[in-house]
Protein backbone atom coordinates (compact mmCIF):
# COMPACT_ATOMS: atom_id res chain seq x y z
CA MET A 1 -58.31 -25.30 21.99
CA GLU A 2 -57.85 -22.99 19.02
CA THR A 3 -59.38 -23.54 15.61
CA ASP A 4 -57.30 -23.54 12.44
CA LYS A 5 -57.94 -20.25 10.67
CA ARG A 6 -56.08 -21.05 7.44
CA PRO A 7 -57.62 -19.53 4.28
CA PRO A 8 -59.43 -22.06 2.08
CA THR A 9 -57.44 -23.19 -0.94
CA GLY A 10 -59.30 -22.47 -4.14
CA GLY A 11 -58.98 -24.29 -7.40
CA GLY A 12 -57.47 -21.36 -9.36
CA ASP A 13 -54.15 -19.57 -8.85
CA GLY A 14 -53.88 -16.17 -7.28
CA CYS A 15 -52.47 -13.01 -8.84
CA LEU A 16 -49.17 -13.48 -6.99
CA VAL A 17 -48.69 -16.88 -8.61
CA GLY A 18 -49.51 -15.44 -12.03
CA VAL A 19 -47.07 -12.55 -11.56
CA ILE A 20 -44.28 -14.94 -10.48
CA ARG A 21 -44.94 -17.54 -13.19
CA ILE A 22 -44.25 -15.30 -16.22
CA PRO A 23 -40.66 -14.25 -15.22
CA VAL A 24 -39.90 -17.80 -14.13
CA LYS A 25 -40.98 -19.13 -17.55
CA ILE A 26 -38.81 -16.53 -19.29
CA VAL A 27 -35.80 -17.42 -17.12
CA ALA A 28 -36.43 -21.15 -17.68
CA VAL A 29 -36.50 -20.72 -21.47
CA LEU A 30 -33.38 -18.50 -21.49
CA VAL A 31 -31.32 -20.42 -18.89
CA VAL A 32 -32.60 -23.96 -18.42
CA LEU A 33 -32.90 -24.81 -22.15
CA PRO A 34 -29.23 -23.93 -23.02
CA VAL A 35 -28.05 -25.76 -19.89
CA ARG A 36 -30.05 -28.85 -20.87
CA VAL A 37 -28.67 -28.71 -24.44
CA VAL A 38 -25.09 -28.42 -23.17
CA TRP A 39 -25.74 -31.28 -20.73
CA GLU A 40 -27.05 -33.58 -23.48
CA LEU A 41 -24.06 -32.71 -25.72
CA LEU A 42 -21.64 -33.48 -22.88
CA VAL A 43 -23.38 -36.80 -22.18
CA ALA A 44 -23.26 -37.81 -25.87
CA GLY A 45 -19.58 -36.77 -26.13
CA ALA A 46 -18.68 -38.68 -22.97
CA ARG A 47 -20.43 -41.82 -24.24
CA ALA A 48 -18.66 -41.56 -27.61
CA VAL A 49 -15.26 -41.05 -25.94
CA HIS A 50 -15.89 -44.01 -23.63
CA ARG A 51 -17.04 -46.23 -26.49
CA HIS A 52 -14.39 -45.35 -29.10
CA VAL A 53 -11.37 -44.14 -27.07
CA LEU A 54 -11.29 -45.19 -23.42
CA GLY A 55 -12.74 -48.68 -23.90
CA PRO A 56 -10.33 -49.76 -26.72
CA LEU A 57 -7.45 -48.00 -24.94
CA TYR A 58 -8.14 -49.98 -21.75
CA VAL A 59 -8.67 -53.29 -23.60
CA HIS A 60 -5.70 -53.06 -26.00
CA VAL A 61 -3.17 -50.99 -24.00
CA VAL A 62 -3.85 -50.65 -20.28
CA GLU A 63 -5.03 -54.20 -19.58
CA PRO A 64 -2.08 -55.93 -21.40
CA LEU A 65 0.31 -53.49 -19.71
CA LEU A 66 -1.18 -54.26 -16.28
CA ARG A 67 -1.03 -58.00 -16.97
CA ALA A 68 2.62 -57.76 -18.05
CA LEU A 69 3.44 -55.65 -14.99
CA GLY A 70 1.67 -58.14 -12.69
CA TRP A 71 3.53 -61.06 -14.26
CA LEU A 72 6.85 -59.19 -13.91
CA LEU A 73 6.17 -58.28 -10.25
CA THR A 74 5.08 -61.85 -9.49
CA THR A 75 8.26 -63.23 -11.07
CA LEU A 76 10.45 -60.73 -9.20
CA LEU A 77 8.75 -61.47 -5.87
CA LYS A 78 9.12 -65.21 -6.42
CA LEU A 79 12.75 -64.70 -7.44
CA VAL A 80 13.46 -62.68 -4.28
CA PHE A 81 11.21 -64.19 -1.60
CA VAL A 82 10.18 -67.69 -2.71
CA TRP A 83 12.73 -69.46 -4.87
CA PRO A 84 15.85 -68.75 -2.69
CA TRP A 85 14.11 -69.99 0.47
CA ALA A 86 12.63 -72.97 -1.34
CA GLY A 87 16.07 -73.89 -2.71
CA LEU A 88 17.67 -73.36 0.71
CA TRP A 89 15.04 -75.60 2.32
CA ARG A 90 15.10 -78.27 -0.37
CA TYR A 91 18.84 -78.52 -1.10
CA VAL A 92 20.47 -77.42 2.20
CA LEU A 93 18.26 -77.67 5.30
CA VAL A 94 16.47 -80.93 4.43
CA PRO A 95 19.70 -82.90 3.59
CA VAL A 96 21.48 -81.45 6.62
CA GLY A 97 18.51 -82.31 8.89
CA GLN A 98 18.32 -85.84 7.48
CA GLY A 99 22.05 -86.31 8.04
CA LEU A 100 21.83 -85.01 11.62
CA ALA A 101 18.83 -87.23 12.34
CA TRP A 102 20.66 -90.29 10.96
CA THR A 103 23.77 -89.40 13.00
CA TRP A 104 21.69 -88.93 16.18
CA ARG A 105 19.87 -92.23 15.70
CA GLY A 106 23.16 -94.04 15.19
CA LEU A 107 24.85 -92.33 18.14
CA TYR A 108 21.87 -92.97 20.42
CA GLY A 109 21.45 -96.60 19.39
CA GLN A 110 25.13 -97.55 19.40
CA VAL A 111 26.67 -95.37 22.17
CA LEU A 112 24.26 -93.50 24.47
CA ALA A 113 21.71 -96.25 25.08
CA PRO A 114 24.29 -98.97 26.01
CA ALA A 115 26.23 -96.50 28.17
CA GLY A 116 23.05 -95.40 29.95
CA ARG A 117 22.00 -98.98 30.63
CA PHE A 118 25.46 -99.81 31.99
CA LEU A 119 25.45 -96.74 34.29
CA ALA A 120 21.91 -97.44 35.50
CA VAL A 121 22.58 -101.12 36.27
CA CYS A 122 26.16 -101.09 37.54
CA VAL A 123 26.60 -97.62 39.11
CA LEU A 124 23.42 -95.68 39.84
CA ARG A 125 21.31 -98.51 41.28
CA PRO A 126 23.93 -99.65 43.90
CA LEU A 127 24.70 -96.03 44.72
CA GLY A 128 21.00 -95.26 45.20
CA GLU A 129 20.48 -98.28 47.43
CA ALA A 130 23.45 -97.25 49.61
CA LEU A 131 22.19 -93.66 49.87
CA ALA A 132 18.70 -94.90 50.75
CA TRP A 133 20.07 -97.09 53.54
CA LEU A 134 22.13 -94.20 54.91
CA GLY A 135 19.15 -91.86 54.65
CA ARG A 136 16.84 -94.19 56.56
CA GLY A 137 19.38 -94.61 59.36
CA GLY A 138 20.25 -90.90 59.53
CA MET A 139 16.58 -89.86 59.45
CA ARG A 140 15.63 -92.13 62.32
CA TYR A 141 18.57 -91.61 64.72
CA LEU A 142 19.90 -88.14 63.80
CA LEU A 143 17.68 -85.90 61.67
CA ALA A 144 14.36 -86.53 63.49
CA PRO A 145 15.60 -85.51 66.96
CA LEU A 146 17.54 -82.60 65.49
CA GLY A 147 14.46 -81.42 63.57
CA LYS A 148 12.28 -81.51 66.70
CA GLY A 149 14.80 -79.41 68.61
CA VAL A 150 15.14 -76.89 65.80
CA THR A 151 11.34 -76.70 65.49
CA TRP A 152 10.88 -75.94 69.20
CA ILE A 153 13.62 -73.28 69.12
CA GLY A 154 12.07 -71.69 66.04
CA TRP A 155 8.59 -71.68 67.62
CA ALA A 156 9.89 -70.03 70.79
CA LEU A 157 11.91 -67.49 68.82
CA GLY A 158 8.98 -66.68 66.54
CA MET A 159 6.57 -66.21 69.41
CA THR A 160 9.07 -63.99 71.22
CA LEU A 161 9.75 -61.81 68.20
CA PHE A 162 6.44 -61.68 66.29
CA VAL A 163 3.51 -62.60 68.62
CA TRP A 164 3.97 -61.69 72.27
CA PRO A 165 5.13 -58.04 71.62
CA TRP A 166 2.11 -57.31 69.39
CA VAL A 167 -0.30 -58.94 71.83
CA ALA A 168 1.07 -56.83 74.66
CA LEU A 169 0.94 -53.71 72.48
CA TRP A 170 -2.71 -54.37 71.62
CA ARG A 171 -3.80 -55.30 75.15
CA TYR A 172 -2.01 -52.58 77.17
CA VAL A 173 -1.69 -49.67 74.64
CA LEU A 174 -4.03 -49.74 71.60
CA ALA A 175 -7.17 -51.06 73.34
CA PRO A 176 -7.24 -48.38 76.08
CA VAL A 177 -6.46 -45.61 73.55
CA GLY A 178 -9.20 -46.87 71.22
CA ARG A 179 -11.78 -46.97 74.03
CA GLY A 180 -10.90 -43.36 74.96
CA ILE A 181 -11.21 -42.19 71.35
CA ALA A 182 -14.58 -43.95 71.03
CA TRP A 183 -15.87 -42.20 74.22
CA LEU A 184 -14.70 -38.81 72.88
CA ALA A 185 -16.35 -39.45 69.51
CA ALA A 186 -19.66 -40.41 71.14
CA ALA A 187 -19.60 -37.32 73.34
CA ALA A 188 -18.80 -35.08 70.34
CA TYR A 189 -21.66 -36.67 68.34
CA TRP A 190 -24.29 -36.28 71.08
CA TYR A 191 -23.32 -32.86 72.39
CA VAL A 192 -21.82 -31.09 69.29
CA LEU A 193 -22.71 -32.65 65.91
CA THR A 194 -26.36 -33.42 66.65
CA PRO A 195 -27.29 -29.83 67.67
CA VAL A 196 -25.29 -28.39 64.76
CA GLY A 197 -27.02 -30.79 62.32
CA HIS A 198 -30.48 -29.88 63.64
CA GLY A 199 -29.66 -26.18 63.22
CA LEU A 200 -28.44 -26.68 59.64
CA VAL A 201 -31.59 -28.64 58.76
CA TRP A 202 -33.82 -25.92 60.18
CA LEU A 203 -31.84 -23.27 58.27
CA ALA A 204 -32.12 -25.24 55.00
CA VAL A 205 -35.89 -25.69 55.46
CA ALA A 206 -36.33 -22.00 56.16
CA VAL A 207 -34.23 -20.97 53.12
CA PHE A 208 -36.21 -23.32 50.87
CA ARG A 209 -39.60 -22.25 52.28
CA TYR A 210 -39.10 -18.48 52.42
CA LEU A 211 -36.51 -17.85 49.65
CA LEU A 212 -36.05 -20.57 47.03
CA ARG A 213 -39.72 -21.59 46.65
CA PRO A 214 -41.04 -18.01 46.08
CA VAL A 215 -38.19 -17.27 43.65
CA GLY A 216 -38.86 -20.55 41.77
CA LEU A 217 -42.58 -19.87 41.55
CA GLY A 218 -41.87 -16.39 40.23
CA LEU A 219 -39.50 -17.74 37.59
CA VAL A 220 -42.05 -20.38 36.54
CA TRP A 221 -44.78 -17.74 36.23
CA LEU A 222 -42.42 -15.50 34.22
CA VAL A 223 -41.45 -18.32 31.84
CA ALA A 224 -45.09 -19.34 31.35
CA ALA A 225 -46.13 -15.76 30.66
CA LEU A 226 -43.21 -15.26 28.27
CA TYR A 227 -44.12 -18.45 26.38
CA ARG A 228 -47.86 -17.68 26.29
CA TYR A 229 -47.75 -14.00 25.33
CA LEU A 230 -44.49 -13.73 23.32
CA LEU A 231 -42.84 -16.93 22.06
CA ARG A 232 -46.02 -18.75 21.03
CA PRO A 233 -47.51 -15.85 19.00
CA VAL A 234 -44.13 -15.18 17.35
CA GLY A 235 -43.73 -18.91 16.50
CA LEU A 236 -47.26 -19.10 15.07
CA GLY A 237 -46.58 -16.01 12.96
CA ILE A 238 -43.31 -17.40 11.63
CA ALA A 239 -44.98 -20.75 10.88
CA TRP A 240 -47.85 -19.04 9.03
CA LEU A 241 -45.37 -16.91 7.06
CA ALA A 242 -43.25 -19.96 6.14
CA ALA A 243 -46.37 -21.90 5.07
CA ALA A 244 -47.58 -19.00 2.93
CA LEU A 245 -44.11 -18.59 1.40
CA TYR A 246 -43.94 -22.32 0.63
CA ARG A 247 -47.49 -22.46 -0.76
CA CYS A 248 -47.48 -19.26 -2.81
CA VAL A 249 -43.82 -18.88 -3.90
CA LEU A 250 -41.64 -21.99 -3.55
CA THR A 251 -44.18 -24.54 -4.82
CA PRO A 252 -45.07 -22.61 -8.04
CA VAL A 253 -41.39 -21.85 -8.70
CA GLY A 254 -40.44 -25.51 -8.24
CA GLN A 255 -43.27 -26.69 -10.48
CA LEU A 256 -42.29 -24.20 -13.17
CA LEU A 257 -38.63 -25.24 -13.00
CA ALA A 258 -39.59 -28.92 -13.29
CA TRP A 259 -41.91 -28.11 -16.23
CA ALA A 260 -39.15 -26.08 -17.90
CA TRP A 261 -36.65 -28.90 -17.40
CA HIS A 262 -38.99 -31.48 -18.97
CA VAL A 263 -39.89 -29.14 -21.84
CA ALA A 264 -36.20 -28.48 -22.47
CA GLY A 265 -35.54 -32.24 -22.49
CA ARG A 266 -38.32 -32.83 -25.01
CA ILE A 267 -37.05 -29.98 -27.19
CA VAL A 268 -33.50 -31.36 -27.08
CA HIS A 269 -34.68 -34.88 -27.94
CA ALA A 270 -36.82 -33.51 -30.78
CA LEU A 271 -33.82 -31.52 -32.09
CA TRP A 272 -31.63 -34.59 -31.81
CA ARG A 273 -34.13 -36.76 -33.71
CA GLY A 274 -34.44 -34.06 -36.35
CA LEU A 275 -30.66 -33.82 -36.73
CA ARG A 276 -30.42 -37.61 -36.99
CA ARG A 277 -33.05 -37.69 -39.72
CA VAL A 278 -31.44 -34.78 -41.57
CA GLY A 279 -28.04 -36.50 -41.32
CA TRP A 280 -29.53 -39.74 -42.63
CA VAL A 281 -31.24 -37.95 -45.53
CA LEU A 282 -28.16 -35.85 -46.42
CA ILE A 283 -25.34 -38.31 -45.73
CA GLY A 284 -26.48 -41.81 -44.71
CA TRP A 285 -29.03 -42.53 -47.40
CA PRO A 286 -26.83 -41.25 -50.33
CA ALA A 287 -23.84 -43.19 -48.97
CA SER A 288 -25.95 -46.37 -48.59
CA TRP A 289 -27.42 -45.95 -52.06
CA ALA A 290 -23.94 -45.37 -53.56
CA TYR A 291 -22.52 -48.40 -51.72
CA ARG A 292 -25.40 -50.65 -52.72
CA HIS A 293 -25.96 -49.53 -56.36
CA VAL A 294 -22.48 -48.26 -57.42
CA LEU A 295 -19.61 -49.59 -55.30
CA THR A 296 -20.91 -53.14 -54.84
CA PRO A 297 -21.50 -53.81 -58.61
CA ALA A 298 -18.17 -52.14 -59.43
CA GLY A 299 -16.39 -54.34 -56.86
CA HIS A 300 -18.05 -57.48 -58.22
CA ALA A 301 -17.08 -56.53 -61.78
CA ALA A 302 -13.48 -55.82 -60.72
CA ARG A 303 -13.32 -59.18 -58.91
CA GLU A 304 -14.58 -61.04 -61.99
CA VAL A 305 -12.08 -59.20 -64.23
CA TRP A 306 -9.25 -60.02 -61.79
CA ARG A 307 -10.22 -63.70 -61.66
CA THR A 308 -10.54 -63.95 -65.46
CA GLY A 309 -7.15 -62.26 -66.02
CA ARG A 310 -5.45 -64.43 -63.42
CA ALA A 311 -6.91 -67.59 -65.00
CA ALA A 312 -5.77 -66.47 -68.49
CA VAL A 313 -2.24 -65.74 -67.27
CA ARG A 314 -2.06 -69.11 -65.52
CA GLU A 315 -3.24 -70.97 -68.68
CA ALA A 316 -0.76 -69.04 -70.84
CA ARG A 317 2.08 -69.86 -68.46
CA ALA A 318 1.18 -73.56 -68.47
CA THR A 319 0.98 -73.59 -72.30
CA VAL A 320 4.40 -71.90 -72.64
CA ARG A 321 5.94 -74.36 -70.12
CA ARG A 322 4.59 -77.36 -72.04
CA ALA A 323 5.74 -75.86 -75.38
CA LEU A 324 9.30 -75.15 -74.16
CA PHE A 325 10.02 -78.01 -71.76
CA GLY A 326 7.52 -80.66 -72.71
CA THR A 327 5.81 -82.84 -70.16
CA PRO A 328 6.99 -82.11 -66.62
CA PRO A 329 9.22 -84.82 -65.11
CA VAL A 330 7.82 -87.40 -62.69
CA GLU A 331 8.01 -86.14 -59.11
CA PRO A 332 9.22 -88.37 -56.26
CA ALA A 333 6.64 -90.35 -54.35
CA ARG A 334 7.04 -88.24 -51.21
CA SER A 335 6.64 -84.93 -53.11
CA ARG A 336 3.87 -86.34 -55.31
CA ALA A 337 1.86 -87.34 -52.28
CA ARG A 338 1.68 -83.71 -51.15
CA THR A 339 1.09 -82.12 -54.62
CA LEU A 340 -2.44 -81.15 -55.61
CA GLY A 341 -3.57 -82.75 -58.84
CA SER A 342 -0.97 -85.58 -58.85
CA THR A 343 -1.78 -89.30 -58.73
CA THR A 344 -0.70 -91.76 -56.05
CA ALA A 345 0.46 -94.48 -58.41
CA ALA A 346 4.23 -94.94 -58.66
CA ASP A 347 4.38 -95.20 -62.51
CA ALA A 348 1.64 -92.72 -63.42
CA ALA A 349 2.46 -89.34 -64.97
CA PRO A 350 1.38 -86.22 -63.04
CA ALA A 351 -1.89 -84.66 -64.03
CA ASP A 352 -2.03 -81.42 -65.95
CA GLU A 353 -2.25 -78.20 -63.97
CA ILE A 354 -5.85 -77.06 -63.96
CA SER A 355 -6.77 -73.54 -62.96
CA LEU A 356 -9.59 -72.76 -60.56
CA PRO A 357 -11.95 -71.17 -63.15
CA ARG A 358 -11.66 -74.20 -65.45
CA ARG A 359 -12.47 -76.54 -62.60
CA GLN A 360 -15.47 -74.49 -61.66
CA GLY A 361 -16.60 -74.52 -65.26
């Protein structure tokens, strides 16, 4: 049992780790940071494209187009494979089947059933009784004796052709030949095969004892020695080298790459927050201030001016109409019922046209 002779792991890093860490940090700052910046820009661009281009394109163009195409294909398939067969079944096969069924019921009830009953009662039953009487008489006095004679002739012919020759062949030919072959086989087994088998067994035991067993033991000893003095030391050396490489090179490099990736992510997020704040200070806040303190009051003032001018024009137009044409004529009851500002009485004059600003005032 061998003891583990691994060097104790100290708390600090060795000189090899320090020498490897400085170039790895330089490479991380020069390579990983630009890659992370490009990656964040690609992610932001992809999200913007998906939000403002692909999503509306799918909702307003692709989805209606697919729905229209599906409706068109469904209509065409129904027109080709459903509606013709449904019409054929409904307007051709069903009426024809109903007509054939009605014809068959009428033909069966009025023709076939009476004819069948007549044939069964007046023709087939007397004919069957006559044939039965003839059959009973013929069976008793003619067919039974004839059948017995034919049976005896067939039995004798069958025995002569298929039984007695084979029995004679077995008894006088095959049985003696078989007994002779059995005696020869027994003699060959006792006087030839048994000595040969014993000799082969002795030869196999001798070959195993004096040839195969020493060779096998030598091969086992050679394999054990090869494993103990060559393969095992080489494997232990390779394992120690791989462990040292993993502990002193791969682990620090991986940790440095992970640290560089996180640092690059924080730098990119900090840059992005800074750009957002700079954009808000330079563009967003002035635009919001201008919209809130300049454009909104100007729009309200323009709306009030437009409403006042429209009300003045409407009042001037009503005044000119009254001055030129007098009081407007009485509208019909049907039109007056749908006119705003008119009364529902039949003899009342329509009310004056009142503009919206005057009503509000």
